[in-house]
mmCIF file of all heavy atoms, coordinates in Angstrom:
data_MODEL
# 
_entry.id   MODEL 
# 
loop_
_atom_site.group_PDB 
_atom_site.id 
_atom_site.type_symbol 
_atom_site.label_atom_id 
_atom_site.label_alt_id 
_atom_site.label_comp_id 
_atom_site.label_asym_id 
_atom_site.label_entity_id 
_atom_site.label_seq_id 
_atom_site.pdbx_PDB_ins_code 
_atom_site.Cartn_x 
_atom_site.Cartn_y 
_atom_site.Cartn_z 
_atom_site.occupancy 
_atom_site.B_iso_or_equiv 
_atom_site.pdbx_formal_charge 
_atom_site.auth_seq_id 
_atom_site.auth_comp_id 
_atom_site.auth_asym_id 
_atom_site.auth_atom_id 
_atom_site.pdbx_PDB_model_num 
ATOM 1   N N   . VAL A 1 1  ? -18.991 -40.296 71.896 1.00 0.00 ? 1  VAL A N   1 
ATOM 2   C CA  . VAL A 1 1  ? -19.999 -40.173 70.886 1.00 0.00 ? 1  VAL A CA  1 
ATOM 3   C C   . VAL A 1 1  ? -21.343 -39.683 71.495 1.00 0.00 ? 1  VAL A C   1 
ATOM 4   O O   . VAL A 1 1  ? -22.043 -38.886 70.876 1.00 0.00 ? 1  VAL A O   1 
ATOM 5   C CB  . VAL A 1 1  ? -20.118 -41.551 70.072 1.00 0.00 ? 1  VAL A CB  1 
ATOM 6   C CG1 . VAL A 1 1  ? -21.397 -41.549 69.189 1.00 0.00 ? 1  VAL A CG1 1 
ATOM 7   C CG2 . VAL A 1 1  ? -18.804 -41.849 69.390 1.00 0.00 ? 1  VAL A CG2 1 
ATOM 8   N N   . ALA A 1 2  ? -21.659 -40.275 72.624 1.00 0.00 ? 2  ALA A N   1 
ATOM 9   C CA  . ALA A 1 2  ? -22.885 -39.925 73.305 1.00 0.00 ? 2  ALA A CA  1 
ATOM 10  C C   . ALA A 1 2  ? -22.921 -38.372 73.607 1.00 0.00 ? 2  ALA A C   1 
ATOM 11  O O   . ALA A 1 2  ? -23.923 -37.656 73.396 1.00 0.00 ? 2  ALA A O   1 
ATOM 12  C CB  . ALA A 1 2  ? -23.159 -40.697 74.563 1.00 0.00 ? 2  ALA A CB  1 
ATOM 13  N N   . SER A 1 3  ? -21.774 -37.915 74.109 1.00 0.00 ? 3  SER A N   1 
ATOM 14  C CA  . SER A 1 3  ? -21.629 -36.514 74.491 1.00 0.00 ? 3  SER A CA  1 
ATOM 15  C C   . SER A 1 3  ? -21.748 -35.643 73.191 1.00 0.00 ? 3  SER A C   1 
ATOM 16  O O   . SER A 1 3  ? -22.422 -34.610 73.235 1.00 0.00 ? 3  SER A O   1 
ATOM 17  C CB  . SER A 1 3  ? -20.245 -36.353 75.211 1.00 0.00 ? 3  SER A CB  1 
ATOM 18  O OG  . SER A 1 3  ? -20.126 -34.951 75.460 1.00 0.00 ? 3  SER A OG  1 
ATOM 19  N N   . LYS A 1 4  ? -21.002 -36.006 72.141 1.00 0.00 ? 4  LYS A N   1 
ATOM 20  C CA  . LYS A 1 4  ? -20.982 -35.141 70.971 1.00 0.00 ? 4  LYS A CA  1 
ATOM 21  C C   . LYS A 1 4  ? -22.288 -35.149 70.193 1.00 0.00 ? 4  LYS A C   1 
ATOM 22  O O   . LYS A 1 4  ? -22.667 -34.084 69.706 1.00 0.00 ? 4  LYS A O   1 
ATOM 23  C CB  . LYS A 1 4  ? -19.946 -35.707 69.986 1.00 0.00 ? 4  LYS A CB  1 
ATOM 24  C CG  . LYS A 1 4  ? -18.500 -35.392 70.404 1.00 0.00 ? 4  LYS A CG  1 
ATOM 25  C CD  . LYS A 1 4  ? -17.496 -35.865 69.358 1.00 0.00 ? 4  LYS A CD  1 
ATOM 26  C CE  . LYS A 1 4  ? -16.059 -35.663 69.793 1.00 0.00 ? 4  LYS A CE  1 
ATOM 27  N NZ  . LYS A 1 4  ? -15.676 -34.248 69.970 1.00 0.00 ? 4  LYS A NZ  1 
ATOM 28  N N   . LEU A 1 5  ? -22.952 -36.225 70.210 1.00 0.00 ? 5  LEU A N   1 
ATOM 29  C CA  . LEU A 1 5  ? -24.330 -36.208 69.441 1.00 0.00 ? 5  LEU A CA  1 
ATOM 30  C C   . LEU A 1 5  ? -25.481 -36.105 70.300 1.00 0.00 ? 5  LEU A C   1 
ATOM 31  O O   . LEU A 1 5  ? -26.649 -36.107 69.833 1.00 0.00 ? 5  LEU A O   1 
ATOM 32  C CB  . LEU A 1 5  ? -24.424 -37.650 68.712 1.00 0.00 ? 5  LEU A CB  1 
ATOM 33  C CG  . LEU A 1 5  ? -23.311 -37.946 67.678 1.00 0.00 ? 5  LEU A CG  1 
ATOM 34  C CD1 . LEU A 1 5  ? -23.550 -39.309 67.096 1.00 0.00 ? 5  LEU A CD1 1 
ATOM 35  C CD2 . LEU A 1 5  ? -23.297 -36.881 66.630 1.00 0.00 ? 5  LEU A CD2 1 
ATOM 36  N N   . ARG A 1 6  ? -25.298 -35.871 71.657 1.00 0.00 ? 6  ARG A N   1 
ATOM 37  C CA  . ARG A 1 6  ? -26.261 -35.620 72.574 1.00 0.00 ? 6  ARG A CA  1 
ATOM 38  C C   . ARG A 1 6  ? -27.388 -36.796 72.597 1.00 0.00 ? 6  ARG A C   1 
ATOM 39  O O   . ARG A 1 6  ? -28.612 -36.541 72.474 1.00 0.00 ? 6  ARG A O   1 
ATOM 40  C CB  . ARG A 1 6  ? -27.060 -34.355 72.384 1.00 0.00 ? 6  ARG A CB  1 
ATOM 41  C CG  . ARG A 1 6  ? -25.969 -33.173 72.632 1.00 0.00 ? 6  ARG A CG  1 
ATOM 42  C CD  . ARG A 1 6  ? -26.651 -31.880 72.435 1.00 0.00 ? 6  ARG A CD  1 
ATOM 43  N NE  . ARG A 1 6  ? -25.610 -30.880 72.660 1.00 0.00 ? 6  ARG A NE  1 
ATOM 44  C CZ  . ARG A 1 6  ? -25.842 -29.586 72.774 1.00 0.00 ? 6  ARG A CZ  1 
ATOM 45  N NH1 . ARG A 1 6  ? -27.049 -29.176 72.643 1.00 0.00 ? 6  ARG A NH1 1 
ATOM 46  N NH2 . ARG A 1 6  ? -24.798 -28.766 72.934 1.00 0.00 ? 6  ARG A NH2 1 
ATOM 47  N N   . ILE A 1 7  ? -26.851 -37.991 72.630 1.00 0.00 ? 7  ILE A N   1 
ATOM 48  C CA  . ILE A 1 7  ? -27.706 -39.156 72.777 1.00 0.00 ? 7  ILE A CA  1 
ATOM 49  C C   . ILE A 1 7  ? -27.347 -39.848 74.078 1.00 0.00 ? 7  ILE A C   1 
ATOM 50  O O   . ILE A 1 7  ? -26.354 -39.590 74.669 1.00 0.00 ? 7  ILE A O   1 
ATOM 51  C CB  . ILE A 1 7  ? -27.455 -40.175 71.606 1.00 0.00 ? 7  ILE A CB  1 
ATOM 52  C CG1 . ILE A 1 7  ? -26.107 -40.624 71.432 1.00 0.00 ? 7  ILE A CG1 1 
ATOM 53  C CG2 . ILE A 1 7  ? -27.995 -39.454 70.309 1.00 0.00 ? 7  ILE A CG2 1 
ATOM 54  C CD1 . ILE A 1 7  ? -25.884 -41.674 70.377 1.00 0.00 ? 7  ILE A CD1 1 
ATOM 55  N N   . SER A 1 8  ? -28.196 -40.829 74.477 1.00 0.00 ? 8  SER A N   1 
ATOM 56  C CA  . SER A 1 8  ? -27.956 -41.508 75.775 1.00 0.00 ? 8  SER A CA  1 
ATOM 57  C C   . SER A 1 8  ? -26.659 -42.425 75.673 1.00 0.00 ? 8  SER A C   1 
ATOM 58  O O   . SER A 1 8  ? -26.395 -42.884 74.582 1.00 0.00 ? 8  SER A O   1 
ATOM 59  C CB  . SER A 1 8  ? -29.086 -42.358 76.155 1.00 0.00 ? 8  SER A CB  1 
ATOM 60  O OG  . SER A 1 8  ? -29.203 -43.564 75.495 1.00 0.00 ? 8  SER A OG  1 
ATOM 61  N N   . VAL A 1 9  ? -25.974 -42.567 76.762 1.00 0.00 ? 9  VAL A N   1 
ATOM 62  C CA  . VAL A 1 9  ? -24.816 -43.383 76.769 1.00 0.00 ? 9  VAL A CA  1 
ATOM 63  C C   . VAL A 1 9  ? -25.207 -44.837 76.422 1.00 0.00 ? 9  VAL A C   1 
ATOM 64  O O   . VAL A 1 9  ? -24.478 -45.546 75.682 1.00 0.00 ? 9  VAL A O   1 
ATOM 65  C CB  . VAL A 1 9  ? -24.111 -43.405 78.215 1.00 0.00 ? 9  VAL A CB  1 
ATOM 66  C CG1 . VAL A 1 9  ? -23.008 -44.399 78.312 1.00 0.00 ? 9  VAL A CG1 1 
ATOM 67  C CG2 . VAL A 1 9  ? -23.614 -41.965 78.484 1.00 0.00 ? 9  VAL A CG2 1 
ATOM 68  N N   . THR A 1 10 ? -26.318 -45.340 76.832 1.00 0.00 ? 10 THR A N   1 
ATOM 69  C CA  . THR A 1 10 ? -26.842 -46.663 76.564 1.00 0.00 ? 10 THR A CA  1 
ATOM 70  C C   . THR A 1 10 ? -26.999 -46.830 75.092 1.00 0.00 ? 10 THR A C   1 
ATOM 71  O O   . THR A 1 10 ? -26.563 -47.808 74.526 1.00 0.00 ? 10 THR A O   1 
ATOM 72  C CB  . THR A 1 10 ? -28.135 -46.960 77.309 1.00 0.00 ? 10 THR A CB  1 
ATOM 73  O OG1 . THR A 1 10 ? -27.951 -46.754 78.645 1.00 0.00 ? 10 THR A OG1 1 
ATOM 74  C CG2 . THR A 1 10 ? -28.597 -48.359 77.017 1.00 0.00 ? 10 THR A CG2 1 
ATOM 75  N N   . THR A 1 11 ? -27.680 -45.934 74.432 1.00 0.00 ? 11 THR A N   1 
ATOM 76  C CA  . THR A 1 11 ? -27.863 -45.929 72.970 1.00 0.00 ? 11 THR A CA  1 
ATOM 77  C C   . THR A 1 11 ? -26.525 -45.907 72.287 1.00 0.00 ? 11 THR A C   1 
ATOM 78  O O   . THR A 1 11 ? -26.300 -46.764 71.325 1.00 0.00 ? 11 THR A O   1 
ATOM 79  C CB  . THR A 1 11 ? -28.722 -44.721 72.522 1.00 0.00 ? 11 THR A CB  1 
ATOM 80  O OG1 . THR A 1 11 ? -29.993 -44.792 73.121 1.00 0.00 ? 11 THR A OG1 1 
ATOM 81  C CG2 . THR A 1 11 ? -28.921 -44.779 70.983 1.00 0.00 ? 11 THR A CG2 1 
ATOM 82  N N   . SER A 1 12 ? -25.642 -45.120 72.744 1.00 0.00 ? 12 SER A N   1 
ATOM 83  C CA  . SER A 1 12 ? -24.305 -44.990 72.024 1.00 0.00 ? 12 SER A CA  1 
ATOM 84  C C   . SER A 1 12 ? -23.494 -46.347 72.237 1.00 0.00 ? 12 SER A C   1 
ATOM 85  O O   . SER A 1 12 ? -22.908 -46.829 71.290 1.00 0.00 ? 12 SER A O   1 
ATOM 86  C CB  . SER A 1 12 ? -23.485 -43.900 72.746 1.00 0.00 ? 12 SER A CB  1 
ATOM 87  O OG  . SER A 1 12 ? -22.186 -43.767 72.064 1.00 0.00 ? 12 SER A OG  1 
ATOM 88  N N   . ARG A 1 13 ? -23.603 -47.044 73.386 1.00 0.00 ? 13 ARG A N   1 
ATOM 89  C CA  . ARG A 1 13 ? -22.988 -48.315 73.564 1.00 0.00 ? 13 ARG A CA  1 
ATOM 90  C C   . ARG A 1 13 ? -23.598 -49.355 72.670 1.00 0.00 ? 13 ARG A C   1 
ATOM 91  O O   . ARG A 1 13 ? -22.824 -50.118 71.985 1.00 0.00 ? 13 ARG A O   1 
ATOM 92  C CB  . ARG A 1 13 ? -23.012 -48.725 74.986 1.00 0.00 ? 13 ARG A CB  1 
ATOM 93  C CG  . ARG A 1 13 ? -22.197 -49.960 75.274 1.00 0.00 ? 13 ARG A CG  1 
ATOM 94  C CD  . ARG A 1 13 ? -22.159 -50.288 76.734 1.00 0.00 ? 13 ARG A CD  1 
ATOM 95  N NE  . ARG A 1 13 ? -23.427 -50.642 77.204 1.00 0.00 ? 13 ARG A NE  1 
ATOM 96  C CZ  . ARG A 1 13 ? -23.748 -50.734 78.529 1.00 0.00 ? 13 ARG A CZ  1 
ATOM 97  N NH1 . ARG A 1 13 ? -22.852 -50.506 79.451 1.00 0.00 ? 13 ARG A NH1 1 
ATOM 98  N NH2 . ARG A 1 13 ? -24.982 -50.960 78.865 1.00 0.00 ? 13 ARG A NH2 1 
ATOM 99  N N   . VAL A 1 14 ? -24.839 -49.365 72.511 1.00 0.00 ? 14 VAL A N   1 
ATOM 100 C CA  . VAL A 1 14 ? -25.594 -50.327 71.633 1.00 0.00 ? 14 VAL A CA  1 
ATOM 101 C C   . VAL A 1 14 ? -25.073 -50.045 70.197 1.00 0.00 ? 14 VAL A C   1 
ATOM 102 O O   . VAL A 1 14 ? -24.775 -50.959 69.410 1.00 0.00 ? 14 VAL A O   1 
ATOM 103 C CB  . VAL A 1 14 ? -27.052 -50.213 71.768 1.00 0.00 ? 14 VAL A CB  1 
ATOM 104 C CG1 . VAL A 1 14 ? -27.793 -50.942 70.674 1.00 0.00 ? 14 VAL A CG1 1 
ATOM 105 C CG2 . VAL A 1 14 ? -27.527 -50.713 73.126 1.00 0.00 ? 14 VAL A CG2 1 
ATOM 106 N N   . TRP A 1 15 ? -25.052 -48.799 69.783 1.00 0.00 ? 15 TRP A N   1 
ATOM 107 C CA  . TRP A 1 15 ? -24.618 -48.427 68.467 1.00 0.00 ? 15 TRP A CA  1 
ATOM 108 C C   . TRP A 1 15 ? -23.174 -48.835 68.252 1.00 0.00 ? 15 TRP A C   1 
ATOM 109 O O   . TRP A 1 15 ? -22.798 -49.264 67.130 1.00 0.00 ? 15 TRP A O   1 
ATOM 110 C CB  . TRP A 1 15 ? -24.811 -46.914 68.227 1.00 0.00 ? 15 TRP A CB  1 
ATOM 111 C CG  . TRP A 1 15 ? -26.239 -46.612 67.987 1.00 0.00 ? 15 TRP A CG  1 
ATOM 112 C CD1 . TRP A 1 15 ? -27.405 -47.364 68.163 1.00 0.00 ? 15 TRP A CD1 1 
ATOM 113 C CD2 . TRP A 1 15 ? -26.720 -45.264 67.607 1.00 0.00 ? 15 TRP A CD2 1 
ATOM 114 N NE1 . TRP A 1 15 ? -28.512 -46.620 67.877 1.00 0.00 ? 15 TRP A NE1 1 
ATOM 115 C CE2 . TRP A 1 15 ? -28.103 -45.332 67.582 1.00 0.00 ? 15 TRP A CE2 1 
ATOM 116 C CE3 . TRP A 1 15 ? -26.116 -44.070 67.407 1.00 0.00 ? 15 TRP A CE3 1 
ATOM 117 C CZ2 . TRP A 1 15 ? -28.966 -44.225 67.262 1.00 0.00 ? 15 TRP A CZ2 1 
ATOM 118 C CZ3 . TRP A 1 15 ? -26.835 -42.952 67.066 1.00 0.00 ? 15 TRP A CZ3 1 
ATOM 119 C CH2 . TRP A 1 15 ? -28.284 -43.074 66.951 1.00 0.00 ? 15 TRP A CH2 1 
ATOM 120 N N   . ARG A 1 16 ? -22.326 -48.709 69.238 1.00 0.00 ? 16 ARG A N   1 
ATOM 121 C CA  . ARG A 1 16 ? -20.885 -49.053 69.114 1.00 0.00 ? 16 ARG A CA  1 
ATOM 122 C C   . ARG A 1 16 ? -20.844 -50.577 68.769 1.00 0.00 ? 16 ARG A C   1 
ATOM 123 O O   . ARG A 1 16 ? -20.085 -50.922 67.919 1.00 0.00 ? 16 ARG A O   1 
ATOM 124 C CB  . ARG A 1 16 ? -20.164 -48.742 70.370 1.00 0.00 ? 16 ARG A CB  1 
ATOM 125 C CG  . ARG A 1 16 ? -18.648 -48.972 70.256 1.00 0.00 ? 16 ARG A CG  1 
ATOM 126 C CD  . ARG A 1 16 ? -17.921 -49.724 71.342 1.00 0.00 ? 16 ARG A CD  1 
ATOM 127 N NE  . ARG A 1 16 ? -18.707 -50.475 72.170 1.00 0.00 ? 16 ARG A NE  1 
ATOM 128 C CZ  . ARG A 1 16 ? -18.521 -50.545 73.536 1.00 0.00 ? 16 ARG A CZ  1 
ATOM 129 N NH1 . ARG A 1 16 ? -17.695 -49.679 74.082 1.00 0.00 ? 16 ARG A NH1 1 
ATOM 130 N NH2 . ARG A 1 16 ? -19.212 -51.367 74.218 1.00 0.00 ? 16 ARG A NH2 1 
ATOM 131 N N   . ASP A 1 17 ? -21.598 -51.351 69.520 1.00 0.00 ? 17 ASP A N   1 
ATOM 132 C CA  . ASP A 1 17 ? -21.603 -52.767 69.268 1.00 0.00 ? 17 ASP A CA  1 
ATOM 133 C C   . ASP A 1 17 ? -22.135 -53.139 67.882 1.00 0.00 ? 17 ASP A C   1 
ATOM 134 O O   . ASP A 1 17 ? -21.603 -53.941 67.249 1.00 0.00 ? 17 ASP A O   1 
ATOM 135 C CB  . ASP A 1 17 ? -22.546 -53.481 70.343 1.00 0.00 ? 17 ASP A CB  1 
ATOM 136 C CG  . ASP A 1 17 ? -21.910 -53.410 71.751 1.00 0.00 ? 17 ASP A CG  1 
ATOM 137 O OD1 . ASP A 1 17 ? -20.690 -53.060 71.873 1.00 0.00 ? 17 ASP A OD1 1 
ATOM 138 O OD2 . ASP A 1 17 ? -22.592 -53.646 72.753 1.00 0.00 ? 17 ASP A OD2 1 
ATOM 139 N N   . LYS A 1 18 ? -23.213 -52.440 67.491 1.00 0.00 ? 18 LYS A N   1 
ATOM 140 C CA  . LYS A 1 18 ? -23.737 -52.730 66.172 1.00 0.00 ? 18 LYS A CA  1 
ATOM 141 C C   . LYS A 1 18 ? -22.756 -52.293 65.049 1.00 0.00 ? 18 LYS A C   1 
ATOM 142 O O   . LYS A 1 18 ? -22.587 -52.883 63.974 1.00 0.00 ? 18 LYS A O   1 
ATOM 143 C CB  . LYS A 1 18 ? -25.075 -51.961 65.921 1.00 0.00 ? 18 LYS A CB  1 
ATOM 144 C CG  . LYS A 1 18 ? -26.171 -52.660 66.757 1.00 0.00 ? 18 LYS A CG  1 
ATOM 145 C CD  . LYS A 1 18 ? -27.511 -51.963 66.394 1.00 0.00 ? 18 LYS A CD  1 
ATOM 146 C CE  . LYS A 1 18 ? -28.636 -52.672 67.091 1.00 0.00 ? 18 LYS A CE  1 
ATOM 147 N NZ  . LYS A 1 18 ? -29.922 -52.256 66.633 1.00 0.00 ? 18 LYS A NZ  1 
ATOM 148 N N   . HIS A 1 19 ? -22.015 -51.102 65.322 1.00 0.00 ? 19 HIS A N   1 
ATOM 149 C CA  . HIS A 1 19 ? -20.993 -50.624 64.453 1.00 0.00 ? 19 HIS A CA  1 
ATOM 150 C C   . HIS A 1 19 ? -19.883 -51.742 64.251 1.00 0.00 ? 19 HIS A C   1 
ATOM 151 O O   . HIS A 1 19 ? -19.487 -52.040 63.179 1.00 0.00 ? 19 HIS A O   1 
ATOM 152 C CB  . HIS A 1 19 ? -20.414 -49.288 64.859 1.00 0.00 ? 19 HIS A CB  1 
ATOM 153 C CG  . HIS A 1 19 ? -19.251 -48.871 63.927 1.00 0.00 ? 19 HIS A CG  1 
ATOM 154 N ND1 . HIS A 1 19 ? -19.545 -48.351 62.757 1.00 0.00 ? 19 HIS A ND1 1 
ATOM 155 C CD2 . HIS A 1 19 ? -17.933 -48.803 64.175 1.00 0.00 ? 19 HIS A CD2 1 
ATOM 156 C CE1 . HIS A 1 19 ? -18.371 -47.955 62.173 1.00 0.00 ? 19 HIS A CE1 1 
ATOM 157 N NE2 . HIS A 1 19 ? -17.365 -48.252 63.070 1.00 0.00 ? 19 HIS A NE2 1 
ATOM 158 N N   . ALA A 1 20 ? -19.498 -52.288 65.378 1.00 0.00 ? 20 ALA A N   1 
ATOM 159 C CA  . ALA A 1 20 ? -18.457 -53.326 65.334 1.00 0.00 ? 20 ALA A CA  1 
ATOM 160 C C   . ALA A 1 20 ? -18.877 -54.580 64.630 1.00 0.00 ? 20 ALA A C   1 
ATOM 161 O O   . ALA A 1 20 ? -18.136 -55.254 63.920 1.00 0.00 ? 20 ALA A O   1 
ATOM 162 C CB  . ALA A 1 20 ? -18.035 -53.705 66.746 1.00 0.00 ? 20 ALA A CB  1 
ATOM 163 N N   . ALA A 1 21 ? -20.206 -54.854 64.675 1.00 0.00 ? 21 ALA A N   1 
ATOM 164 C CA  . ALA A 1 21 ? -20.734 -56.065 63.924 1.00 0.00 ? 21 ALA A CA  1 
ATOM 165 C C   . ALA A 1 21 ? -21.141 -55.695 62.526 1.00 0.00 ? 21 ALA A C   1 
ATOM 166 O O   . ALA A 1 21 ? -21.512 -56.562 61.750 1.00 0.00 ? 21 ALA A O   1 
ATOM 167 C CB  . ALA A 1 21 ? -22.017 -56.610 64.649 1.00 0.00 ? 21 ALA A CB  1 
ATOM 168 N N   . GLY A 1 22 ? -21.060 -54.408 62.181 1.00 0.00 ? 22 GLY A N   1 
ATOM 169 C CA  . GLY A 1 22 ? -21.372 -54.017 60.783 1.00 0.00 ? 22 GLY A CA  1 
ATOM 170 C C   . GLY A 1 22 ? -22.907 -53.840 60.520 1.00 0.00 ? 22 GLY A C   1 
ATOM 171 O O   . GLY A 1 22 ? -23.277 -53.853 59.400 1.00 0.00 ? 22 GLY A O   1 
ATOM 172 N N   . THR A 1 23 ? -23.690 -53.635 61.608 1.00 0.00 ? 23 THR A N   1 
ATOM 173 C CA  . THR A 1 23 ? -25.128 -53.589 61.425 1.00 0.00 ? 23 THR A CA  1 
ATOM 174 C C   . THR A 1 23 ? -25.702 -52.203 61.819 1.00 0.00 ? 23 THR A C   1 
ATOM 175 O O   . THR A 1 23 ? -26.887 -52.068 61.734 1.00 0.00 ? 23 THR A O   1 
ATOM 176 C CB  . THR A 1 23 ? -25.832 -54.658 62.231 1.00 0.00 ? 23 THR A CB  1 
ATOM 177 O OG1 . THR A 1 23 ? -25.479 -54.475 63.558 1.00 0.00 ? 23 THR A OG1 1 
ATOM 178 C CG2 . THR A 1 23 ? -25.447 -56.023 61.780 1.00 0.00 ? 23 THR A CG2 1 
ATOM 179 N N   . LEU A 1 24 ? -24.881 -51.193 62.170 1.00 0.00 ? 24 LEU A N   1 
ATOM 180 C CA  . LEU A 1 24 ? -25.412 -49.983 62.663 1.00 0.00 ? 24 LEU A CA  1 
ATOM 181 C C   . LEU A 1 24 ? -26.182 -49.235 61.553 1.00 0.00 ? 24 LEU A C   1 
ATOM 182 O O   . LEU A 1 24 ? -27.220 -48.683 61.718 1.00 0.00 ? 24 LEU A O   1 
ATOM 183 C CB  . LEU A 1 24 ? -24.271 -49.067 63.152 1.00 0.00 ? 24 LEU A CB  1 
ATOM 184 C CG  . LEU A 1 24 ? -24.725 -47.689 63.646 1.00 0.00 ? 24 LEU A CG  1 
ATOM 185 C CD1 . LEU A 1 24 ? -25.733 -47.730 64.742 1.00 0.00 ? 24 LEU A CD1 1 
ATOM 186 C CD2 . LEU A 1 24 ? -23.471 -46.852 64.060 1.00 0.00 ? 24 LEU A CD2 1 
ATOM 187 N N   . LEU A 1 25 ? -25.658 -49.329 60.289 1.00 0.00 ? 25 LEU A N   1 
ATOM 188 C CA  . LEU A 1 25 ? -26.325 -48.599 59.241 1.00 0.00 ? 25 LEU A CA  1 
ATOM 189 C C   . LEU A 1 25 ? -27.222 -49.493 58.369 1.00 0.00 ? 25 LEU A C   1 
ATOM 190 O O   . LEU A 1 25 ? -27.505 -49.196 57.235 1.00 0.00 ? 25 LEU A O   1 
ATOM 191 C CB  . LEU A 1 25 ? -25.327 -47.927 58.348 1.00 0.00 ? 25 LEU A CB  1 
ATOM 192 C CG  . LEU A 1 25 ? -24.368 -46.898 59.057 1.00 0.00 ? 25 LEU A CG  1 
ATOM 193 C CD1 . LEU A 1 25 ? -23.301 -46.405 58.180 1.00 0.00 ? 25 LEU A CD1 1 
ATOM 194 C CD2 . LEU A 1 25 ? -25.148 -45.722 59.668 1.00 0.00 ? 25 LEU A CD2 1 
ATOM 195 N N   . GLY A 1 26 ? -27.729 -50.526 59.016 1.00 0.00 ? 26 GLY A N   1 
ATOM 196 C CA  . GLY A 1 26 ? -28.636 -51.431 58.254 1.00 0.00 ? 26 GLY A CA  1 
ATOM 197 C C   . GLY A 1 26 ? -27.912 -52.436 57.374 1.00 0.00 ? 26 GLY A C   1 
ATOM 198 O O   . GLY A 1 26 ? -28.544 -53.109 56.535 1.00 0.00 ? 26 GLY A O   1 
ATOM 199 N N   . LEU A 1 27 ? -26.618 -52.635 57.587 1.00 0.00 ? 27 LEU A N   1 
ATOM 200 C CA  . LEU A 1 27 ? -25.945 -53.637 56.821 1.00 0.00 ? 27 LEU A CA  1 
ATOM 201 C C   . LEU A 1 27 ? -25.850 -54.934 57.575 1.00 0.00 ? 27 LEU A C   1 
ATOM 202 O O   . LEU A 1 27 ? -25.914 -54.926 58.817 1.00 0.00 ? 27 LEU A O   1 
ATOM 203 C CB  . LEU A 1 27 ? -24.505 -53.109 56.552 1.00 0.00 ? 27 LEU A CB  1 
ATOM 204 C CG  . LEU A 1 27 ? -24.405 -51.760 55.853 1.00 0.00 ? 27 LEU A CG  1 
ATOM 205 C CD1 . LEU A 1 27 ? -22.944 -51.261 55.788 1.00 0.00 ? 27 LEU A CD1 1 
ATOM 206 C CD2 . LEU A 1 27 ? -25.027 -51.725 54.432 1.00 0.00 ? 27 LEU A CD2 1 
ATOM 207 N N   . GLY A 1 28 ? -25.511 -55.983 56.936 1.00 0.00 ? 28 GLY A N   1 
ATOM 208 C CA  . GLY A 1 28 ? -25.359 -57.301 57.602 1.00 0.00 ? 28 GLY A CA  1 
ATOM 209 C C   . GLY A 1 28 ? -26.757 -57.883 57.872 1.00 0.00 ? 28 GLY A C   1 
ATOM 210 O O   . GLY A 1 28 ? -27.778 -57.464 57.379 1.00 0.00 ? 28 GLY A O   1 
# 
């Protein structure tokens, strides 16, 4: 995801964790 969207690997990992928790898009 970091490579495809040209974002940092750290940001992508944080977003992956938030996605798993259901909070990436402001939910939860």
